[in-house]
Amino acid sequence: MTANIAIIGFGSITRTLLASLAGNGAVRVKNIVVRPERIGAPDHSWQDARFVSSIGELEADVDTVIEAAGHAALRQHAGDVVASGRRLVLASSGALADDAFRKGLEKTARETGAEIHVVSGAIGALDALATAQIAGRQAVHYTGIKPSRAWRGTPAEHCVDLDALEAPTTFFTGSAREVARLYPANANVAATVALAGPGFDATTVSLIADPDAALNRHVVEADGVLGSFRFETTATPLSINPRTSGTTVFSILSFLNSGSNSVRLV
């Protein structure tokens, strides 16, 4: 059975995903949602997918909508996706730190029968976090370590001199909710950990700039009634966007293939 999908966004994640889907007969991309001014742009085309600017323009047989365009696009379109009763699969989990926004989506989804899935993105261990959370209270800490240059253009520049660092330096310690507010472009992993675990306020986070690092590293540590674990991932970024992990793309592809690698909210 062929899944008919739409994708929100046409940036590096979408382009890499489309390249991976080429020749995949089990998934058909019917629509790609972009800003109105980009409709008809010479570089905005892919096979027979129709580019649109709103969820209301999607083909009637689209059953799943993939968000791969960032927090602002998720805020703009997610409500219409779940109101239409479709399955929403999102990557920009940091936007869900806004409780009113998240709860509003969940309420609408329950009313329409829609589903909301957050893909694992650059991190693993979500099943262990979810299991431990059901069992009882757990302490969860996420550490994000990136090359110093990856933090340019963020508030980290006001905390440390990124060009002068000689050793790994922690420039932020706080909650996953604070990360979503202060570092929205770097908040998705922390947010996904929080959604699988104890929530945005109870999940603590450290962000580190490492002048010698070549790749992004993500460390999840948890301690609860079932015991403790530590899970570390080294993630190769996309060549066309060094701030985005390549595993984000393939976690979406894995979800499309098997329905795994996600946190289901509704």
C-alpha atoms as a PDB file:
ATOM      1  CA  MET A   1       0.000   0.000   0.000  1.00  0.00           C
ATOM      2  CA  THR A   2       1.366   3.401  -0.993  1.00  0.00           C
ATOM      3  CA  ALA A   3       1.494   6.167   1.608  1.00  0.00           C
ATOM      4  CA  ASN A   4       0.589   9.556   0.182  1.00  0.00           C
ATOM      5  CA  ILE A   5       2.447  12.294   2.003  1.00  0.00           C
ATOM      6  CA  ALA A   6       3.034  16.018   2.005  1.00  0.00           C
ATOM      7  CA  ILE A   7       6.143  17.731   3.329  1.00  0.00           C
ATOM      8  CA  ILE A   8       6.271  21.162   4.928  1.00  0.00           C
ATOM      9  CA  GLY A   9       9.438  22.926   3.813  1.00  0.00           C
ATOM     10  CA  PHE A  10      11.905  22.579   0.961  1.00  0.00           C
ATOM     11  CA  GLY A  11      15.209  23.092   2.752  1.00  0.00           C
ATOM     12  CA  SER A  12      18.132  20.777   3.400  1.00  0.00           C
ATOM     13  CA  ILE A  13      16.133  18.151   5.328  1.00  0.00           C
ATOM     14  CA  THR A  14      13.424  17.904   2.677  1.00  0.00           C
ATOM     15  CA  ARG A  15      15.854  17.828  -0.238  1.00  0.00           C
ATOM     16  CA  THR A  16      17.901  15.057   1.358  1.00  0.00           C
ATOM     17  CA  LEU A  17      14.734  13.142   2.227  1.00  0.00           C
ATOM     18  CA  LEU A  18      13.436  13.434  -1.338  1.00  0.00           C
ATOM     19  CA  ALA A  19      16.708  12.125  -2.719  1.00  0.00           C
ATOM     20  CA  SER A  20      16.371   9.111  -0.411  1.00  0.00           C
ATOM     21  CA  LEU A  21      12.740   8.548  -1.429  1.00  0.00           C
ATOM     22  CA  ALA A  22      13.478   8.525  -5.153  1.00  0.00           C
ATOM     23  CA  GLY A  23      12.384   5.153  -6.459  1.00  0.00           C
ATOM     24  CA  ASN A  24      10.562   4.241  -3.240  1.00  0.00           C
ATOM     25  CA  GLY A  25       7.237   2.921  -4.447  1.00  0.00           C
ATOM     26  CA  ALA A  26       5.820   2.678  -0.918  1.00  0.00           C
ATOM     27  CA  VAL A  27       5.839   6.464  -0.393  1.00  0.00           C
ATOM     28  CA  ARG A  28       4.497   9.053  -2.808  1.00  0.00           C
ATOM     29  CA  VAL A  29       5.092  12.759  -2.204  1.00  0.00           C
ATOM     30  CA  LYS A  30       1.938  14.482  -3.406  1.00  0.00           C
ATOM     31  CA  ASN A  31       2.532  18.016  -2.093  1.00  0.00           C
ATOM     32  CA  ILE A  32       5.302  20.227  -0.747  1.00  0.00           C
ATOM     33  CA  VAL A  33       4.257  23.216   1.364  1.00  0.00           C
ATOM     34  CA  VAL A  34       6.340  26.374   0.955  1.00  0.00           C
ATOM     35  CA  ARG A  35       5.921  30.135   1.339  1.00  0.00           C
ATOM     36  CA  PRO A  36       3.551  31.641  -1.260  1.00  0.00           C
ATOM     37  CA  GLU A  37       6.308  33.646  -2.936  1.00  0.00           C
ATOM     38  CA  ARG A  38       8.268  30.453  -3.643  1.00  0.00           C
ATOM     39  CA  ILE A  39       5.491  28.828  -5.680  1.00  0.00           C
ATOM     40  CA  GLY A  40       6.721  28.524  -9.241  1.00  0.00           C
ATOM     41  CA  ALA A  41      10.347  29.320  -8.414  1.00  0.00           C
ATOM     42  CA  PRO A  42      12.733  27.615 -10.882  1.00  0.00           C
ATOM     43  CA  ASP A  43      14.429  25.579  -8.166  1.00  0.00           C
ATOM     44  CA  HIS A  44      11.163  24.536  -6.510  1.00  0.00           C
ATOM     45  CA  SER A  45      10.152  21.342  -8.279  1.00  0.00           C
ATOM     46  CA  TRP A  46      10.374  17.614  -7.611  1.00  0.00           C
ATOM     47  CA  GLN A  47       8.948  14.920  -9.861  1.00  0.00           C
ATOM     48  CA  ASP A  48       5.154  15.332  -9.999  1.00  0.00           C
ATOM     49  CA  ALA A  49       4.707  16.808  -6.497  1.00  0.00           C
ATOM     50  CA  ARG A  50       2.544  19.924  -6.475  1.00  0.00           C
ATOM     51  CA  PHE A  51       3.885  22.864  -4.495  1.00  0.00           C
ATOM     52  CA  VAL A  52       1.303  24.662  -2.354  1.00  0.00           C
ATOM     53  CA  SER A  53       1.314  27.313   0.359  1.00  0.00           C
ATOM     54  CA  SER A  54      -1.318  25.983   2.768  1.00  0.00           C
ATOM     55  CA  ILE A  55      -2.647  22.753   4.224  1.00  0.00           C
ATOM     56  CA  GLY A  56      -6.053  23.483   2.728  1.00  0.00           C
ATOM     57  CA  GLU A  57      -4.565  22.993  -0.748  1.00  0.00           C
ATOM     58  CA  LEU A  58      -3.283  19.454  -0.117  1.00  0.00           C
ATOM     59  CA  GLU A  59      -4.506  16.614  -2.292  1.00  0.00           C
ATOM     60  CA  ALA A  60      -7.467  14.865  -0.685  1.00  0.00           C
ATOM     61  CA  ASP A  61      -5.654  11.529  -0.471  1.00  0.00           C
ATOM     62  CA  VAL A  62      -2.684  12.872   1.527  1.00  0.00           C
ATOM     63  CA  ASP A  63      -2.755  11.004   4.835  1.00  0.00           C
ATOM     64  CA  THR A  64       0.546  12.037   6.434  1.00  0.00           C
ATOM     65  CA  VAL A  65       2.207  15.447   6.669  1.00  0.00           C
ATOM     66  CA  ILE A  66       5.917  15.687   7.470  1.00  0.00           C
ATOM     67  CA  GLU A  67       7.168  18.910   9.052  1.00  0.00           C
ATOM     68  CA  ALA A  68      10.794  19.685   8.159  1.00  0.00           C
ATOM     69  CA  ALA A  69      10.860  23.468   8.087  1.00  0.00           C
ATOM     70  CA  GLY A  70      11.475  24.804  11.593  1.00  0.00           C
ATOM     71  CA  HIS A  71       9.527  26.153  14.525  1.00  0.00           C
ATOM     72  CA  ALA A  72       7.771  28.997  12.705  1.00  0.00           C
ATOM     73  CA  ALA A  73       6.466  26.718   9.960  1.00  0.00           C
ATOM     74  CA  LEU A  74       5.263  24.186  12.526  1.00  0.00           C
ATOM     75  CA  ARG A  75       3.352  26.902  14.352  1.00  0.00           C
ATOM     76  CA  GLN A  76       1.852  28.119  11.104  1.00  0.00           C
ATOM     77  CA  HIS A  77       0.673  24.793   9.722  1.00  0.00           C
ATOM     78  CA  ALA A  78       0.397  22.187  12.495  1.00  0.00           C
ATOM     79  CA  GLY A  79      -3.041  23.292  13.668  1.00  0.00           C
ATOM     80  CA  ASP A  80      -4.484  22.936  10.173  1.00  0.00           C
ATOM     81  CA  VAL A  81      -2.881  19.497   9.761  1.00  0.00           C
ATOM     82  CA  VAL A  82      -4.446  18.034  12.897  1.00  0.00           C
ATOM     83  CA  ALA A  83      -7.741  19.840  12.251  1.00  0.00           C
ATOM     84  CA  SER A  84      -7.901  17.970   8.933  1.00  0.00           C
ATOM     85  CA  GLY A  85      -7.544  14.637  10.773  1.00  0.00           C
ATOM     86  CA  ARG A  86      -4.233  13.783   9.132  1.00  0.00           C
ATOM     87  CA  ARG A  87      -1.177  12.303  10.792  1.00  0.00           C
ATOM     88  CA  LEU A  88       1.432  14.944  11.668  1.00  0.00           C
ATOM     89  CA  VAL A  89       5.065  13.822  11.833  1.00  0.00           C
ATOM     90  CA  LEU A  90       7.307  16.618  13.071  1.00  0.00           C
ATOM     91  CA  ALA A  91      10.998  17.311  13.499  1.00  0.00           C
ATOM     92  CA  SER A  92      10.876  20.759  15.127  1.00  0.00           C
ATOM     93  CA  SER A  93      10.022  19.521  18.599  1.00  0.00           C
ATOM     94  CA  GLY A  94      11.462  22.587  20.320  1.00  0.00           C
ATOM     95  CA  ALA A  95       8.309  24.513  19.411  1.00  0.00           C
ATOM     96  CA  LEU A  96       6.335  22.147  21.654  1.00  0.00           C
ATOM     97  CA  ALA A  97       7.938  23.710  24.733  1.00  0.00           C
ATOM     98  CA  ASP A  98       5.091  26.204  24.414  1.00  0.00           C
ATOM     99  CA  ASP A  99       2.527  24.354  26.532  1.00  0.00           C
ATOM    100  CA  ALA A 100      -0.472  26.225  25.136  1.00  0.00           C
ATOM    101  CA  PHE A 101       0.564  25.432  21.563  1.00  0.00           C
ATOM    102  CA  ARG A 102       1.271  21.765  22.303  1.00  0.00           C
ATOM    103  CA  LYS A 103      -1.873  21.183  24.336  1.00  0.00           C
ATOM    104  CA  GLY A 104      -3.973  22.913  21.704  1.00  0.00           C
ATOM    105  CA  LEU A 105      -2.640  20.567  19.041  1.00  0.00           C
ATOM    106  CA  GLU A 106      -3.248  17.542  21.249  1.00  0.00           C
ATOM    107  CA  LYS A 107      -6.816  18.630  22.012  1.00  0.00           C
ATOM    108  CA  THR A 108      -7.649  19.144  18.341  1.00  0.00           C
ATOM    109  CA  ALA A 109      -6.043  15.832  17.386  1.00  0.00           C
ATOM    110  CA  ARG A 110      -8.178  13.959  19.901  1.00  0.00           C
ATOM    111  CA  GLU A 111     -11.288  15.606  18.466  1.00  0.00           C
ATOM    112  CA  THR A 112     -10.454  14.828  14.829  1.00  0.00           C
ATOM    113  CA  GLY A 113      -8.713  11.482  15.209  1.00  0.00           C
ATOM    114  CA  ALA A 114      -5.394  12.856  14.008  1.00  0.00           C
ATOM    115  CA  GLU A 115      -2.046  11.540  15.228  1.00  0.00           C
ATOM    116  CA  ILE A 116       1.005  13.559  16.318  1.00  0.00           C
ATOM    117  CA  HIS A 117       4.440  11.945  16.159  1.00  0.00           C
ATOM    118  CA  VAL A 118       7.813  13.491  17.038  1.00  0.00           C
ATOM    119  CA  VAL A 119      10.626  11.739  15.157  1.00  0.00           C
ATOM    120  CA  SER A 120      13.742  10.799  17.100  1.00  0.00           C
ATOM    121  CA  GLY A 121      15.981  13.070  15.040  1.00  0.00           C
ATOM    122  CA  ALA A 122      19.603  13.079  16.181  1.00  0.00           C
ATOM    123  CA  ILE A 123      19.074  11.113  19.407  1.00  0.00           C
ATOM    124  CA  GLY A 124      18.377   7.534  20.444  1.00  0.00           C
ATOM    125  CA  ALA A 125      17.214   5.985  23.740  1.00  0.00           C
ATOM    126  CA  LEU A 126      13.668   7.325  23.459  1.00  0.00           C
ATOM    127  CA  ASP A 127      12.158   3.909  24.158  1.00  0.00           C
ATOM    128  CA  ALA A 128      14.203   3.582  27.353  1.00  0.00           C
ATOM    129  CA  LEU A 129      13.187   7.068  28.482  1.00  0.00           C
ATOM    130  CA  ALA A 130       9.514   6.410  27.810  1.00  0.00           C
ATOM    131  CA  THR A 131       9.607   3.072  29.624  1.00  0.00           C
ATOM    132  CA  ALA A 132      11.332   4.564  32.661  1.00  0.00           C
ATOM    133  CA  GLN A 133       8.890   7.474  32.726  1.00  0.00           C
ATOM    134  CA  ILE A 134       5.909   5.128  32.907  1.00  0.00           C
ATOM    135  CA  ALA A 135       7.568   3.249  35.767  1.00  0.00           C
ATOM    136  CA  GLY A 136       7.980   6.363  37.902  1.00  0.00           C
ATOM    137  CA  ARG A 137       9.943   9.505  38.557  1.00  0.00           C
ATOM    138  CA  GLN A 138      13.301   9.810  36.791  1.00  0.00           C
ATOM    139  CA  ALA A 139      16.074  12.395  36.594  1.00  0.00           C
ATOM    140  CA  VAL A 140      17.149  13.085  33.017  1.00  0.00           C
ATOM    141  CA  HIS A 141      20.057  15.191  31.810  1.00  0.00           C
ATOM    142  CA  TYR A 142      20.915  15.969  28.193  1.00  0.00           C
ATOM    143  CA  THR A 143      24.301  17.311  27.089  1.00  0.00           C
ATOM    144  CA  GLY A 144      24.732  18.764  23.611  1.00  0.00           C
ATOM    145  CA  ILE A 145      28.312  19.126  22.380  1.00  0.00           C
ATOM    146  CA  LYS A 146      29.007  20.837  19.071  1.00  0.00           C
ATOM    147  CA  PRO A 147      32.011  22.391  17.332  1.00  0.00           C
ATOM    148  CA  SER A 148      32.491  25.985  18.432  1.00  0.00           C
ATOM    149  CA  ARG A 149      31.613  27.282  14.961  1.00  0.00           C
ATOM    150  CA  ALA A 150      28.199  25.600  15.144  1.00  0.00           C
ATOM    151  CA  TRP A 151      27.200  27.975  17.955  1.00  0.00           C
ATOM    152  CA  ARG A 152      27.888  31.140  15.958  1.00  0.00           C
ATOM    153  CA  GLY A 153      24.825  33.289  15.524  1.00  0.00           C
ATOM    154  CA  THR A 154      23.347  32.083  18.843  1.00  0.00           C
ATOM    155  CA  PRO A 155      23.347  33.601  22.360  1.00  0.00           C
ATOM    156  CA  ALA A 156      26.441  31.481  23.049  1.00  0.00           C
ATOM    157  CA  GLU A 157      28.427  34.321  21.474  1.00  0.00           C
ATOM    158  CA  HIS A 158      27.446  36.492  24.444  1.00  0.00           C
ATOM    159  CA  CYS A 159      28.532  33.828  26.954  1.00  0.00           C
ATOM    160  CA  VAL A 160      31.984  32.880  25.669  1.00  0.00           C
ATOM    161  CA  ASP A 161      34.458  33.944  23.008  1.00  0.00           C
ATOM    162  CA  LEU A 162      33.879  31.085  20.585  1.00  0.00           C
ATOM    163  CA  ASP A 163      36.969  31.912  18.527  1.00  0.00           C
ATOM    164  CA  ALA A 164      39.288  31.915  21.562  1.00  0.00           C
ATOM    165  CA  LEU A 165      38.254  28.603  23.161  1.00  0.00           C
ATOM    166  CA  GLU A 166      41.054  26.115  23.743  1.00  0.00           C
ATOM    167  CA  ALA A 167      39.030  23.404  25.519  1.00  0.00           C
ATOM    168  CA  PRO A 168      35.419  22.193  25.686  1.00  0.00           C
ATOM    169  CA  THR A 169      33.430  24.879  27.487  1.00  0.00           C
ATOM    170  CA  THR A 170      29.953  24.676  29.005  1.00  0.00           C
ATOM    171  CA  PHE A 171      28.164  27.933  28.279  1.00  0.00           C
ATOM    172  CA  PHE A 172      24.617  26.977  29.280  1.00  0.00           C
ATOM    173  CA  THR A 173      23.029  24.903  32.035  1.00  0.00           C
ATOM    174  CA  GLY A 174      19.297  24.968  32.572  1.00  0.00           C
ATOM    175  CA  SER A 175      16.028  23.304  31.612  1.00  0.00           C
ATOM    176  CA  ALA A 176      14.879  22.004  28.252  1.00  0.00           C
ATOM    177  CA  ARG A 177      12.248  24.746  28.273  1.00  0.00           C
ATOM    178  CA  GLU A 178      14.930  27.429  28.630  1.00  0.00           C
ATOM    179  CA  VAL A 179      16.902  25.890  25.763  1.00  0.00           C
ATOM    180  CA  ALA A 180      13.824  26.081  23.536  1.00  0.00           C
ATOM    181  CA  ARG A 181      13.453  29.773  24.364  1.00  0.00           C
ATOM    182  CA  LEU A 182      17.106  30.822  24.124  1.00  0.00           C
ATOM    183  CA  TYR A 183      18.459  28.412  21.485  1.00  0.00           C
ATOM    184  CA  PRO A 184      15.476  27.517  19.284  1.00  0.00           C
ATOM    185  CA  ALA A 185      17.671  26.425  16.368  1.00  0.00           C
ATOM    186  CA  ASN A 186      19.438  23.948  18.663  1.00  0.00           C
ATOM    187  CA  ALA A 187      16.518  22.909  20.873  1.00  0.00           C
ATOM    188  CA  ASN A 188      15.006  19.943  19.085  1.00  0.00           C
ATOM    189  CA  VAL A 189      17.092  17.161  20.637  1.00  0.00           C
ATOM    190  CA  ALA A 190      16.588  18.485  24.173  1.00  0.00           C
ATOM    191  CA  ALA A 191      12.869  18.882  23.495  1.00  0.00           C
ATOM    192  CA  THR A 192      12.497  15.348  22.147  1.00  0.00           C
ATOM    193  CA  VAL A 193      14.279  13.962  25.212  1.00  0.00           C
ATOM    194  CA  ALA A 194      11.936  15.998  27.418  1.00  0.00           C
ATOM    195  CA  LEU A 195       8.832  14.756  25.594  1.00  0.00           C
ATOM    196  CA  ALA A 196       9.911  11.125  25.967  1.00  0.00           C
ATOM    197  CA  GLY A 197      11.007  11.678  29.565  1.00  0.00           C
ATOM    198  CA  PRO A 198       9.961  13.876  32.482  1.00  0.00           C
ATOM    199  CA  GLY A 199       8.972  17.030  30.606  1.00  0.00           C
ATOM    200  CA  PHE A 200      10.453  20.393  29.701  1.00  0.00           C
ATOM    201  CA  ASP A 201      10.970  21.738  33.206  1.00  0.00           C
ATOM    202  CA  ALA A 202      12.320  18.551  34.802  1.00  0.00           C
ATOM    203  CA  THR A 203      14.763  17.719  31.995  1.00  0.00           C
ATOM    204  CA  THR A 204      18.080  19.472  32.615  1.00  0.00           C
ATOM    205  CA  VAL A 205      20.436  20.473  29.824  1.00  0.00           C
ATOM    206  CA  SER A 206      24.069  21.451  29.343  1.00  0.00           C
ATOM    207  CA  LEU A 207      25.353  22.940  26.085  1.00  0.00           C
ATOM    208  CA  ILE A 208      29.059  22.757  25.284  1.00  0.00           C
ATOM    209  CA  ALA A 209      31.232  24.387  22.633  1.00  0.00           C
ATOM    210  CA  ASP A 210      34.222  22.219  21.739  1.00  0.00           C
ATOM    211  CA  PRO A 211      36.916  23.830  19.563  1.00  0.00           C
ATOM    212  CA  ASP A 212      38.391  20.435  18.671  1.00  0.00           C
ATOM    213  CA  ALA A 213      35.141  18.677  17.845  1.00  0.00           C
ATOM    214  CA  ALA A 214      34.466  17.747  14.237  1.00  0.00           C
ATOM    215  CA  LEU A 215      30.997  16.289  14.812  1.00  0.00           C
ATOM    216  CA  ASN A 216      27.987  16.892  17.030  1.00  0.00           C
ATOM    217  CA  ARG A 217      27.648  14.714  20.137  1.00  0.00           C
ATOM    218  CA  HIS A 218      24.510  14.081  22.154  1.00  0.00           C
ATOM    219  CA  VAL A 219      24.531  12.480  25.601  1.00  0.00           C
ATOM    220  CA  VAL A 220      21.426  11.383  27.509  1.00  0.00           C
ATOM    221  CA  GLU A 221      21.762  10.290  31.143  1.00  0.00           C
ATOM    222  CA  ALA A 222      18.833   9.037  33.198  1.00  0.00           C
ATOM    223  CA  ASP A 223      18.358   7.669  36.682  1.00  0.00           C
ATOM    224  CA  GLY A 224      15.038   6.332  37.960  1.00  0.00           C
ATOM    225  CA  VAL A 225      13.229   3.505  39.705  1.00  0.00           C
ATOM    226  CA  LEU A 226      14.248   1.014  36.996  1.00  0.00           C
ATOM    227  CA  GLY A 227      17.915   1.929  37.272  1.00  0.00           C
ATOM    228  CA  SER A 228      20.146   4.204  35.248  1.00  0.00           C
ATOM    229  CA  PHE A 229      21.567   4.464  31.751  1.00  0.00           C
ATOM    230  CA  ARG A 230      23.800   6.666  29.616  1.00  0.00           C
ATOM    231  CA  PHE A 231      23.399   6.904  25.863  1.00  0.00           C
ATOM    232  CA  GLU A 232      25.811   8.817  23.617  1.00  0.00           C
ATOM    233  CA  THR A 233      25.482   9.570  19.918  1.00  0.00           C
ATOM    234  CA  THR A 234      27.970  11.132  17.539  1.00  0.00           C
ATOM    235  CA  ALA A 235      26.003  12.602  14.672  1.00  0.00           C
ATOM    236  CA  THR A 236      27.347  13.547  11.259  1.00  0.00           C
ATOM    237  CA  PRO A 237      25.722  16.806  10.106  1.00  0.00           C
ATOM    238  CA  LEU A 238      24.250  17.306   6.657  1.00  0.00           C
ATOM    239  CA  SER A 239      26.866  18.578   4.247  1.00  0.00           C
ATOM    240  CA  ILE A 240      24.470  21.269   3.021  1.00  0.00           C
ATOM    241  CA  ASN A 241      23.512  22.372   6.558  1.00  0.00           C
ATOM    242  CA  PRO A 242      26.085  21.737   9.325  1.00  0.00           C
ATOM    243  CA  ARG A 243      23.576  22.640  12.043  1.00  0.00           C
ATOM    244  CA  THR A 244      21.323  19.722  11.123  1.00  0.00           C
ATOM    245  CA  SER A 245      22.127  16.097  11.860  1.00  0.00           C
ATOM    246  CA  GLY A 246      21.894  13.668   8.989  1.00  0.00           C
ATOM    247  CA  THR A 247      20.094  11.248  11.291  1.00  0.00           C
ATOM    248  CA  THR A 248      17.142  13.647  11.406  1.00  0.00           C
ATOM    249  CA  VAL A 249      16.450  12.901   7.754  1.00  0.00           C
ATOM    250  CA  PHE A 250      16.770   9.163   8.157  1.00  0.00           C
ATOM    251  CA  SER A 251      14.678   9.071  11.327  1.00  0.00           C
ATOM    252  CA  ILE A 252      11.875  10.491   9.173  1.00  0.00           C
ATOM    253  CA  LEU A 253      12.556   7.864   6.526  1.00  0.00           C
ATOM    254  CA  SER A 254      12.578   5.135   9.176  1.00  0.00           C
ATOM    255  CA  PHE A 255       9.218   6.340  10.462  1.00  0.00           C
ATOM    256  CA  LEU A 256       7.754   6.272   6.959  1.00  0.00           C
ATOM    257  CA  ASN A 257       9.051   2.755   6.428  1.00  0.00           C
ATOM    258  CA  SER A 258       8.040   1.199   9.740  1.00  0.00           C
ATOM    259  CA  GLY A 259       6.290   3.712  12.012  1.00  0.00           C
ATOM    260  CA  SER A 260       9.147   3.475  14.505  1.00  0.00           C
ATOM    261  CA  ASN A 261      11.638   6.023  15.852  1.00  0.00           C
ATOM    262  CA  SER A 262       9.156   8.480  17.277  1.00  0.00           C
ATOM    263  CA  VAL A 263       7.427   9.768  20.376  1.00  0.00           C
ATOM    264  CA  ARG A 264       3.677   9.676  19.870  1.00  0.00           C
ATOM    265  CA  LEU A 265       1.831  12.501  21.610  1.00  0.00           C
ATOM    266  CA  VAL A 266      -1.672  11.566  20.447  1.00  0.00           C
END
